[in-house]
């Protein structure tokens, strides 16, 4: 048993040692990295507050621009919705995004989103926890780092999931 544990732990330790040495070797290079020159940060933020109602969301995203035409990135997202004495939900997850700009003003996007959804209704004592996957195809008009457009969830099903419609408008900003 002890031998199996030692073998199991040896592999992760070897990988960690390799990564540490690799980072140390690259840290000795005096030339400035071009990687960070191609990275942009952005995302979304939302807040709505009313009488007994609140909705908060945050979704930071980082993009890597391969060139003026193609970019890819990852993002995190969190959302909380509450209606006093009735309903609450929390969603959190990750998103992968791919962007193509065939011309400067047009942006085409492909997004894969995986959310964990936690729902609770005090009104009818309902509780549900599930994973929701979305695959979005989008297009928008782009000016500098801001894009306004629509996206379509090709995995949308009216009887399940967290979205009320397959079509959704978006505003995307990166700096």
N, C-alpha and C. Protein backbone atom coordinates (compact mmCIF):
# COMPACT_ATOMS: atom_id res chain seq x y z
N UNK A 1 0.82 -1.20 0.00
CA UNK A 1 0.00 0.00 0.00
C UNK A 1 0.87 1.26 0.00
N UNK A 2 1.89 1.24 0.86
CA UNK A 2 2.77 2.40 0.97
C UNK A 2 3.52 2.63 -0.33
N UNK A 3 3.90 1.57 -1.03
CA UNK A 3 4.58 1.68 -2.31
C UNK A 3 3.68 2.31 -3.36
N UNK A 4 2.38 1.96 -3.37
CA UNK A 4 1.44 2.55 -4.33
C UNK A 4 1.27 4.04 -4.08
N UNK A 5 1.18 4.43 -2.81
CA UNK A 5 1.05 5.84 -2.46
C UNK A 5 2.31 6.60 -2.90
N UNK A 6 3.47 6.02 -2.67
CA UNK A 6 4.72 6.67 -3.06
C UNK A 6 4.79 6.86 -4.57
N UNK A 7 4.37 5.83 -5.32
CA UNK A 7 4.36 5.95 -6.78
C UNK A 7 3.36 7.01 -7.23
N UNK A 8 2.19 7.05 -6.56
CA UNK A 8 1.15 8.00 -6.91
C UNK A 8 1.62 9.44 -6.68
N UNK A 9 2.34 9.67 -5.59
CA UNK A 9 2.81 11.02 -5.26
C UNK A 9 4.06 11.40 -6.03
N UNK A 10 4.86 10.44 -6.47
CA UNK A 10 6.10 10.72 -7.18
C UNK A 10 5.86 11.45 -8.48
N UNK A 11 4.88 11.05 -9.26
CA UNK A 11 4.62 11.66 -10.57
C UNK A 11 4.27 13.15 -10.43
N UNK A 12 3.31 13.54 -9.56
CA UNK A 12 3.03 14.97 -9.41
C UNK A 12 4.24 15.77 -8.93
N UNK A 13 5.05 15.18 -8.06
CA UNK A 13 6.24 15.89 -7.58
C UNK A 13 7.26 16.07 -8.70
N UNK A 14 7.39 15.09 -9.58
CA UNK A 14 8.29 15.22 -10.72
C UNK A 14 7.81 16.32 -11.66
N UNK A 15 6.52 16.36 -11.91
CA UNK A 15 5.96 17.39 -12.78
C UNK A 15 6.17 18.77 -12.17
N UNK A 16 5.90 18.91 -10.86
CA UNK A 16 6.09 20.18 -10.18
C UNK A 16 7.55 20.62 -10.24
N UNK A 17 8.49 19.71 -10.03
CA UNK A 17 9.91 20.03 -10.10
C UNK A 17 10.29 20.47 -11.51
N UNK A 18 9.79 19.76 -12.53
CA UNK A 18 10.06 20.12 -13.92
C UNK A 18 9.55 21.53 -14.23
N UNK A 19 8.32 21.82 -13.83
CA UNK A 19 7.75 23.14 -14.09
C UNK A 19 8.52 24.24 -13.37
N UNK A 20 8.93 23.97 -12.13
CA UNK A 20 9.71 24.95 -11.37
C UNK A 20 11.03 25.25 -12.05
N UNK A 21 11.73 24.21 -12.50
CA UNK A 21 13.01 24.40 -13.18
C UNK A 21 12.81 25.10 -14.52
N UNK A 22 11.75 24.77 -15.23
CA UNK A 22 11.47 25.39 -16.52
C UNK A 22 11.21 26.88 -16.35
N UNK A 23 10.40 27.24 -15.33
CA UNK A 23 10.12 28.65 -15.07
C UNK A 23 11.41 29.37 -14.68
N UNK A 24 12.27 28.72 -13.89
CA UNK A 24 13.54 29.33 -13.50
C UNK A 24 14.43 29.59 -14.70
N UNK A 25 14.48 28.65 -15.64
CA UNK A 25 15.31 28.82 -16.83
C UNK A 25 14.79 29.97 -17.66
N UNK A 26 13.47 30.04 -17.87
CA UNK A 26 12.89 31.12 -18.67
C UNK A 26 13.01 32.47 -17.96
N UNK A 27 13.04 32.46 -16.63
CA UNK A 27 13.15 33.71 -15.89
C UNK A 27 14.51 34.36 -16.11
N UNK A 28 15.53 33.59 -16.52
CA UNK A 28 16.86 34.13 -16.74
C UNK A 28 16.97 34.89 -18.06
N UNK A 29 16.01 34.70 -18.95
CA UNK A 29 16.03 35.37 -20.25
C UNK A 29 15.80 36.88 -20.06
N UNK A 30 16.67 37.70 -20.59
CA UNK A 30 16.59 39.15 -20.39
C UNK A 30 15.75 39.86 -21.44
N UNK A 31 15.35 39.17 -22.51
CA UNK A 31 14.55 39.82 -23.55
C UNK A 31 13.12 39.96 -23.06
N UNK A 32 12.50 41.11 -23.32
CA UNK A 32 11.11 41.31 -22.86
C UNK A 32 10.16 40.38 -23.60
N UNK A 33 9.18 39.89 -22.88
CA UNK A 33 8.22 38.95 -23.45
C UNK A 33 7.21 39.67 -24.33
N UNK A 34 6.94 39.12 -25.48
CA UNK A 34 5.91 39.65 -26.39
C UNK A 34 4.54 39.10 -26.04
N UNK A 35 4.49 38.07 -25.20
CA UNK A 35 3.23 37.44 -24.85
C UNK A 35 2.24 38.45 -24.26
N UNK A 36 2.68 39.19 -23.26
CA UNK A 36 1.76 40.10 -22.56
C UNK A 36 1.34 41.29 -23.43
N UNK A 37 2.10 41.58 -24.48
CA UNK A 37 1.69 42.64 -25.40
C UNK A 37 0.46 42.23 -26.20
N UNK A 38 0.20 40.93 -26.29
CA UNK A 38 -0.93 40.44 -27.07
C UNK A 38 -2.14 40.04 -26.20
N UNK A 39 -2.07 40.28 -24.90
CA UNK A 39 -3.14 39.92 -23.98
C UNK A 39 -4.02 41.13 -23.70
N UNK A 40 -5.34 40.91 -23.72
CA UNK A 40 -6.31 41.94 -23.36
C UNK A 40 -7.19 41.41 -22.25
N UNK A 41 -7.64 42.32 -21.39
CA UNK A 41 -8.55 41.95 -20.31
C UNK A 41 -9.86 42.70 -20.48
N UNK A 42 -10.92 42.10 -20.04
CA UNK A 42 -12.24 42.72 -20.13
C UNK A 42 -13.26 41.85 -19.44
N UNK A 43 -14.49 41.94 -19.90
CA UNK A 43 -15.54 41.12 -19.33
C UNK A 43 -16.79 41.92 -19.12
N UNK A 44 -17.58 41.49 -18.16
CA UNK A 44 -18.86 42.14 -17.90
C UNK A 44 -19.15 42.23 -16.42
N UNK A 45 -20.05 43.16 -16.09
CA UNK A 45 -20.48 43.39 -14.72
C UNK A 45 -21.93 43.83 -14.77
N UNK A 46 -22.74 43.33 -13.87
CA UNK A 46 -24.14 43.73 -13.84
C UNK A 46 -24.64 43.84 -12.42
N UNK A 47 -25.53 44.80 -12.18
CA UNK A 47 -26.12 45.00 -10.86
C UNK A 47 -27.52 45.58 -11.03
N UNK A 48 -28.50 44.93 -10.44
CA UNK A 48 -29.88 45.43 -10.44
C UNK A 48 -30.43 45.23 -9.03
N UNK A 49 -30.99 46.28 -8.47
CA UNK A 49 -31.54 46.23 -7.12
C UNK A 49 -32.92 46.86 -7.15
N UNK A 50 -33.87 46.18 -6.53
CA UNK A 50 -35.22 46.69 -6.45
C UNK A 50 -35.82 46.37 -5.09
N UNK A 51 -37.08 46.57 -4.93
CA UNK A 51 -37.77 46.28 -3.68
C UNK A 51 -37.85 44.77 -3.48
N UNK A 52 -37.00 44.25 -2.61
CA UNK A 52 -36.96 42.82 -2.33
C UNK A 52 -36.31 41.99 -3.42
N UNK A 53 -35.61 42.63 -4.35
CA UNK A 53 -35.02 41.95 -5.49
C UNK A 53 -33.58 42.41 -5.67
N UNK A 54 -32.69 41.48 -6.00
CA UNK A 54 -31.32 41.85 -6.34
C UNK A 54 -30.76 40.88 -7.37
N UNK A 55 -29.95 41.41 -8.25
CA UNK A 55 -29.30 40.61 -9.27
C UNK A 55 -27.89 41.17 -9.43
N UNK A 56 -26.89 40.31 -9.27
CA UNK A 56 -25.49 40.72 -9.36
C UNK A 56 -24.77 39.72 -10.25
N UNK A 57 -23.92 40.21 -11.15
CA UNK A 57 -23.11 39.32 -11.97
C UNK A 57 -21.76 39.95 -12.28
N UNK A 58 -20.76 39.11 -12.37
CA UNK A 58 -19.42 39.54 -12.73
C UNK A 58 -18.81 38.45 -13.60
N UNK A 59 -18.12 38.87 -14.68
CA UNK A 59 -17.56 37.91 -15.63
C UNK A 59 -16.26 38.44 -16.23
N UNK A 60 -15.14 38.29 -15.52
CA UNK A 60 -13.86 38.73 -16.08
C UNK A 60 -13.37 37.75 -17.16
N UNK A 61 -12.71 38.30 -18.18
CA UNK A 61 -12.22 37.50 -19.29
C UNK A 61 -10.83 38.00 -19.71
N UNK A 62 -9.98 37.08 -20.13
CA UNK A 62 -8.67 37.42 -20.68
C UNK A 62 -8.58 36.84 -22.09
N UNK A 63 -8.08 37.65 -23.02
CA UNK A 63 -7.94 37.26 -24.44
C UNK A 63 -6.48 37.28 -24.85
N UNK A 64 -6.11 36.35 -25.71
CA UNK A 64 -4.80 36.38 -26.35
C UNK A 64 -5.03 36.60 -27.84
N UNK A 65 -4.47 37.68 -28.39
CA UNK A 65 -4.60 38.02 -29.81
C UNK A 65 -3.44 37.41 -30.59
N UNK A 66 -3.74 36.44 -31.44
CA UNK A 66 -2.71 35.85 -32.28
C UNK A 66 -2.23 36.85 -33.32
N UNK A 67 -3.18 37.62 -33.85
CA UNK A 67 -2.90 38.68 -34.82
C UNK A 67 -4.12 39.60 -34.84
N UNK A 68 -4.26 40.44 -35.85
CA UNK A 68 -5.40 41.36 -35.92
C UNK A 68 -6.71 40.66 -36.25
N UNK A 69 -6.65 39.39 -36.64
CA UNK A 69 -7.84 38.69 -37.10
C UNK A 69 -8.35 37.60 -36.16
N UNK A 70 -7.48 37.00 -35.35
CA UNK A 70 -7.87 35.87 -34.50
C UNK A 70 -7.44 36.07 -33.06
N UNK A 71 -8.34 35.68 -32.13
CA UNK A 71 -8.04 35.75 -30.69
C UNK A 71 -8.78 34.63 -29.98
N UNK A 72 -8.26 34.21 -28.85
CA UNK A 72 -8.93 33.23 -28.01
C UNK A 72 -8.72 33.62 -26.56
N UNK A 73 -9.61 33.14 -25.71
CA UNK A 73 -9.48 33.49 -24.30
C UNK A 73 -10.35 32.64 -23.41
N UNK A 74 -10.21 32.89 -22.12
CA UNK A 74 -10.99 32.20 -21.10
C UNK A 74 -11.57 33.22 -20.13
N UNK A 75 -12.66 32.83 -19.52
CA UNK A 75 -13.29 33.72 -18.56
C UNK A 75 -13.94 32.94 -17.43
N UNK A 76 -14.19 33.64 -16.37
CA UNK A 76 -14.93 33.11 -15.23
C UNK A 76 -16.22 33.90 -15.12
N UNK A 77 -17.23 33.32 -14.53
CA UNK A 77 -18.42 34.09 -14.31
C UNK A 77 -19.14 33.64 -13.05
N UNK A 78 -19.81 34.62 -12.43
CA UNK A 78 -20.59 34.38 -11.22
C UNK A 78 -21.82 35.27 -11.29
N UNK A 79 -22.95 34.70 -10.91
CA UNK A 79 -24.19 35.46 -10.92
C UNK A 79 -25.04 35.04 -9.72
N UNK A 80 -25.68 36.01 -9.09
CA UNK A 80 -26.57 35.75 -7.97
C UNK A 80 -27.86 36.52 -8.19
N UNK A 81 -28.98 35.83 -8.05
CA UNK A 81 -30.30 36.43 -8.22
C UNK A 81 -31.13 36.07 -7.00
N UNK A 82 -31.76 37.09 -6.40
CA UNK A 82 -32.57 36.83 -5.20
C UNK A 82 -33.85 37.67 -5.25
N UNK A 83 -34.94 37.01 -4.89
CA UNK A 83 -36.20 37.70 -4.66
C UNK A 83 -36.64 37.29 -3.25
N UNK A 84 -36.77 38.29 -2.38
CA UNK A 84 -37.02 38.03 -0.96
C UNK A 84 -38.24 37.12 -0.76
N UNK A 85 -38.09 36.13 0.11
CA UNK A 85 -39.13 35.18 0.50
C UNK A 85 -39.71 34.40 -0.68
N UNK A 86 -38.98 34.29 -1.77
CA UNK A 86 -39.53 33.57 -2.91
C UNK A 86 -38.50 32.71 -3.63
N UNK A 87 -37.38 33.31 -4.07
CA UNK A 87 -36.51 32.61 -5.01
C UNK A 87 -35.08 33.09 -4.85
N UNK A 88 -34.13 32.16 -5.06
CA UNK A 88 -32.72 32.54 -5.12
C UNK A 88 -31.99 31.58 -6.05
N UNK A 89 -30.99 32.10 -6.74
CA UNK A 89 -30.16 31.25 -7.59
C UNK A 89 -28.74 31.79 -7.60
N UNK A 90 -27.82 30.88 -7.76
CA UNK A 90 -26.41 31.23 -7.94
C UNK A 90 -25.88 30.40 -9.09
N UNK A 91 -25.12 31.06 -9.96
CA UNK A 91 -24.49 30.37 -11.08
C UNK A 91 -23.02 30.76 -11.12
N UNK A 92 -22.18 29.79 -11.37
CA UNK A 92 -20.75 30.06 -11.50
C UNK A 92 -20.16 29.07 -12.49
N UNK A 93 -19.14 29.52 -13.20
CA UNK A 93 -18.54 28.62 -14.17
C UNK A 93 -17.44 29.26 -14.98
N UNK A 94 -17.10 28.59 -16.08
CA UNK A 94 -16.02 29.02 -16.96
C UNK A 94 -16.53 29.15 -18.39
N UNK A 95 -15.82 29.95 -19.15
CA UNK A 95 -16.16 30.18 -20.55
C UNK A 95 -14.87 30.18 -21.36
N UNK A 96 -14.93 29.55 -22.54
CA UNK A 96 -13.87 29.66 -23.54
C UNK A 96 -14.45 30.46 -24.69
N UNK A 97 -13.68 31.38 -25.25
CA UNK A 97 -14.17 32.20 -26.35
C UNK A 97 -13.13 32.25 -27.46
N UNK A 98 -13.60 32.15 -28.67
CA UNK A 98 -12.77 32.33 -29.86
C UNK A 98 -13.35 33.45 -30.68
N UNK A 99 -12.51 34.37 -31.13
CA UNK A 99 -12.96 35.53 -31.89
C UNK A 99 -12.25 35.60 -33.23
N UNK A 100 -13.01 35.97 -34.27
CA UNK A 100 -12.45 36.20 -35.60
C UNK A 100 -12.95 37.56 -36.07
N UNK A 101 -12.04 38.36 -36.63
CA UNK A 101 -12.36 39.68 -37.15
C UNK A 101 -11.99 39.70 -38.64
N UNK A 102 -12.91 39.27 -39.51
CA UNK A 102 -12.60 39.23 -40.93
C UNK A 102 -12.29 40.62 -41.50
N UNK A 103 -12.97 41.63 -40.98
CA UNK A 103 -12.64 43.03 -41.24
C UNK A 103 -12.69 43.74 -39.90
N UNK A 104 -12.10 44.91 -39.82
CA UNK A 104 -11.92 45.58 -38.53
C UNK A 104 -13.23 45.80 -37.77
N UNK A 105 -14.33 46.09 -38.46
CA UNK A 105 -15.58 46.43 -37.79
C UNK A 105 -16.47 45.23 -37.48
N UNK A 106 -16.16 44.05 -37.99
CA UNK A 106 -17.00 42.87 -37.81
C UNK A 106 -16.28 41.84 -36.94
N UNK A 107 -17.00 41.33 -35.94
CA UNK A 107 -16.43 40.29 -35.08
C UNK A 107 -17.37 39.09 -35.06
N UNK A 108 -16.82 37.91 -35.30
CA UNK A 108 -17.56 36.66 -35.22
C UNK A 108 -17.02 35.90 -34.02
N UNK A 109 -17.92 35.32 -33.23
CA UNK A 109 -17.47 34.66 -32.01
C UNK A 109 -18.04 33.25 -31.88
N UNK A 110 -17.29 32.43 -31.16
CA UNK A 110 -17.69 31.09 -30.77
C UNK A 110 -17.37 30.99 -29.29
N UNK A 111 -18.39 30.69 -28.47
CA UNK A 111 -18.20 30.61 -27.02
C UNK A 111 -18.74 29.29 -26.49
N UNK A 112 -17.97 28.66 -25.63
CA UNK A 112 -18.40 27.46 -24.93
C UNK A 112 -18.46 27.80 -23.45
N UNK A 113 -19.62 27.61 -22.86
CA UNK A 113 -19.86 28.02 -21.47
C UNK A 113 -20.31 26.82 -20.65
N UNK A 114 -19.72 26.64 -19.48
CA UNK A 114 -20.12 25.57 -18.56
C UNK A 114 -20.44 26.21 -17.22
N UNK A 115 -21.71 26.14 -16.81
CA UNK A 115 -22.16 26.76 -15.57
C UNK A 115 -22.69 25.73 -14.59
N UNK A 116 -22.40 25.95 -13.33
CA UNK A 116 -23.05 25.20 -12.25
C UNK A 116 -24.18 26.09 -11.74
N UNK A 117 -25.38 25.55 -11.67
CA UNK A 117 -26.56 26.31 -11.30
C UNK A 117 -27.14 25.74 -10.01
N UNK A 118 -27.39 26.63 -9.03
CA UNK A 118 -28.01 26.25 -7.77
C UNK A 118 -29.28 27.09 -7.61
N UNK A 119 -30.43 26.43 -7.61
CA UNK A 119 -31.72 27.11 -7.50
C UNK A 119 -32.40 26.72 -6.20
N UNK A 120 -33.11 27.69 -5.62
CA UNK A 120 -33.88 27.40 -4.41
C UNK A 120 -35.11 28.30 -4.43
N UNK A 121 -36.27 27.69 -4.27
CA UNK A 121 -37.52 28.44 -4.21
C UNK A 121 -38.17 28.21 -2.85
N UNK A 122 -38.31 29.28 -2.08
CA UNK A 122 -38.98 29.19 -0.78
C UNK A 122 -40.49 29.09 -0.97
N UNK A 123 -40.97 29.57 -2.08
CA UNK A 123 -42.41 29.60 -2.35
C UNK A 123 -43.01 28.20 -2.44
N UNK A 124 -42.35 27.30 -3.16
CA UNK A 124 -42.87 25.93 -3.29
C UNK A 124 -41.87 24.87 -2.82
N UNK A 125 -40.92 25.25 -1.98
CA UNK A 125 -39.92 24.34 -1.41
C UNK A 125 -39.21 23.51 -2.48
N UNK A 126 -38.83 24.15 -3.56
CA UNK A 126 -38.13 23.49 -4.66
C UNK A 126 -36.65 23.83 -4.57
N UNK A 127 -35.81 22.84 -4.82
CA UNK A 127 -34.36 23.04 -4.85
C UNK A 127 -33.81 22.21 -6.01
N UNK A 128 -32.91 22.80 -6.78
CA UNK A 128 -32.35 22.08 -7.92
C UNK A 128 -30.92 22.56 -8.14
N UNK A 129 -30.03 21.63 -8.40
CA UNK A 129 -28.62 21.91 -8.70
C UNK A 129 -28.26 21.12 -9.95
N UNK A 130 -27.70 21.81 -10.96
CA UNK A 130 -27.38 21.12 -12.20
C UNK A 130 -26.31 21.88 -12.96
N UNK A 131 -25.75 21.23 -13.97
CA UNK A 131 -24.79 21.83 -14.88
C UNK A 131 -25.52 22.29 -16.13
N UNK A 132 -25.15 23.44 -16.65
CA UNK A 132 -25.75 23.97 -17.89
C UNK A 132 -24.61 24.27 -18.87
N UNK A 133 -24.71 23.71 -20.07
CA UNK A 133 -23.71 23.94 -21.10
C UNK A 133 -24.33 24.77 -22.21
N UNK A 134 -23.62 25.80 -22.64
CA UNK A 134 -24.06 26.62 -23.76
C UNK A 134 -22.97 26.69 -24.82
N UNK A 135 -23.38 26.62 -26.07
CA UNK A 135 -22.46 26.79 -27.19
C UNK A 135 -23.04 27.91 -28.06
N UNK A 136 -22.36 29.05 -28.06
CA UNK A 136 -22.89 30.26 -28.68
C UNK A 136 -22.13 30.62 -29.95
N UNK A 137 -22.86 30.91 -31.00
CA UNK A 137 -22.32 31.49 -32.22
C UNK A 137 -22.78 32.94 -32.23
N UNK A 138 -21.85 33.87 -32.45
CA UNK A 138 -22.23 35.28 -32.38
C UNK A 138 -21.60 36.11 -33.46
N UNK A 139 -22.17 37.29 -33.63
CA UNK A 139 -21.64 38.28 -34.57
C UNK A 139 -21.95 39.66 -34.03
N UNK A 140 -21.02 40.58 -34.27
CA UNK A 140 -21.23 41.92 -33.76
C UNK A 140 -20.45 42.96 -34.52
N UNK A 141 -20.81 44.20 -34.22
CA UNK A 141 -20.15 45.37 -34.79
C UNK A 141 -19.11 45.85 -33.78
N UNK A 142 -17.87 46.05 -34.24
CA UNK A 142 -16.76 46.35 -33.34
C UNK A 142 -16.17 47.73 -33.63
N UNK A 143 -15.98 48.51 -32.57
CA UNK A 143 -15.27 49.79 -32.63
C UNK A 143 -14.25 49.78 -31.50
N UNK A 144 -12.98 49.86 -31.86
CA UNK A 144 -11.88 49.75 -30.90
C UNK A 144 -12.03 48.44 -30.12
N UNK A 145 -12.12 48.50 -28.80
CA UNK A 145 -12.23 47.28 -28.00
C UNK A 145 -13.64 46.91 -27.62
N UNK A 146 -14.65 47.58 -28.16
CA UNK A 146 -16.04 47.33 -27.78
C UNK A 146 -16.80 46.72 -28.96
N UNK A 147 -17.53 45.64 -28.67
CA UNK A 147 -18.34 44.97 -29.69
C UNK A 147 -19.77 44.86 -29.19
N UNK A 148 -20.72 45.21 -30.05
CA UNK A 148 -22.14 45.09 -29.76
C UNK A 148 -22.73 44.13 -30.78
N UNK A 149 -23.46 43.12 -30.29
CA UNK A 149 -24.01 42.15 -31.24
C UNK A 149 -25.00 41.20 -30.61
N UNK A 150 -25.24 40.09 -31.32
CA UNK A 150 -26.13 39.04 -30.88
C UNK A 150 -25.40 37.71 -30.93
N UNK A 151 -25.80 36.81 -30.05
CA UNK A 151 -25.27 35.46 -30.09
C UNK A 151 -26.43 34.47 -29.99
N UNK A 152 -26.20 33.27 -30.50
CA UNK A 152 -27.24 32.24 -30.55
C UNK A 152 -26.71 30.97 -29.89
N UNK A 153 -27.46 30.43 -28.93
CA UNK A 153 -27.08 29.21 -28.22
C UNK A 153 -27.59 28.00 -29.02
N UNK A 154 -26.69 27.30 -29.68
CA UNK A 154 -27.10 26.16 -30.51
C UNK A 154 -27.53 24.95 -29.67
N UNK A 155 -27.22 24.95 -28.37
CA UNK A 155 -27.64 23.86 -27.48
C UNK A 155 -28.90 24.21 -26.69
N UNK A 156 -29.55 25.31 -27.03
CA UNK A 156 -30.73 25.78 -26.29
C UNK A 156 -31.88 24.78 -26.37
N UNK A 157 -32.50 24.54 -25.22
CA UNK A 157 -33.72 23.74 -25.13
C UNK A 157 -34.68 24.50 -24.23
N UNK A 158 -35.87 24.76 -24.73
CA UNK A 158 -36.84 25.59 -24.01
C UNK A 158 -37.25 24.99 -22.67
N UNK A 159 -37.21 23.67 -22.54
CA UNK A 159 -37.69 23.03 -21.32
C UNK A 159 -36.61 22.85 -20.24
N UNK A 160 -35.39 23.26 -20.53
CA UNK A 160 -34.33 23.11 -19.53
C UNK A 160 -33.25 24.16 -19.74
N UNK A 161 -32.45 24.36 -18.73
CA UNK A 161 -31.37 25.34 -18.81
C UNK A 161 -31.71 26.63 -18.09
N UNK A 162 -30.82 27.59 -18.24
CA UNK A 162 -30.96 28.84 -17.50
C UNK A 162 -31.38 30.02 -18.37
N UNK A 163 -31.39 29.85 -19.67
CA UNK A 163 -31.71 30.96 -20.55
C UNK A 163 -33.14 30.84 -21.07
N UNK A 164 -33.81 31.97 -21.20
CA UNK A 164 -35.19 31.99 -21.66
C UNK A 164 -35.33 31.97 -23.16
N UNK A 165 -34.24 32.25 -23.88
CA UNK A 165 -34.29 32.30 -25.34
C UNK A 165 -32.92 31.93 -25.89
N UNK A 166 -32.89 31.42 -27.10
CA UNK A 166 -31.62 31.04 -27.73
C UNK A 166 -30.84 32.26 -28.22
N UNK A 167 -31.54 33.34 -28.60
CA UNK A 167 -30.89 34.57 -29.05
C UNK A 167 -30.66 35.50 -27.87
N UNK A 168 -29.45 36.07 -27.79
CA UNK A 168 -29.12 37.00 -26.71
C UNK A 168 -28.26 38.14 -27.23
N UNK A 169 -28.60 39.37 -26.88
CA UNK A 169 -27.71 40.47 -27.23
C UNK A 169 -26.50 40.48 -26.30
N UNK A 170 -25.41 41.09 -26.75
CA UNK A 170 -24.24 41.21 -25.89
C UNK A 170 -23.51 42.52 -26.17
N UNK A 171 -22.79 42.96 -25.16
CA UNK A 171 -21.83 44.05 -25.28
C UNK A 171 -20.54 43.51 -24.69
N UNK A 172 -19.47 43.52 -25.47
CA UNK A 172 -18.20 42.95 -25.06
C UNK A 172 -17.15 44.05 -25.11
N UNK A 173 -16.37 44.21 -24.05
CA UNK A 173 -15.34 45.24 -24.01
C UNK A 173 -14.00 44.65 -23.54
N UNK A 174 -12.94 44.96 -24.28
CA UNK A 174 -11.59 44.53 -23.90
C UNK A 174 -10.64 45.71 -24.02
N UNK A 175 -9.68 45.75 -23.11
CA UNK A 175 -8.73 46.86 -23.05
C UNK A 175 -7.31 46.35 -23.19
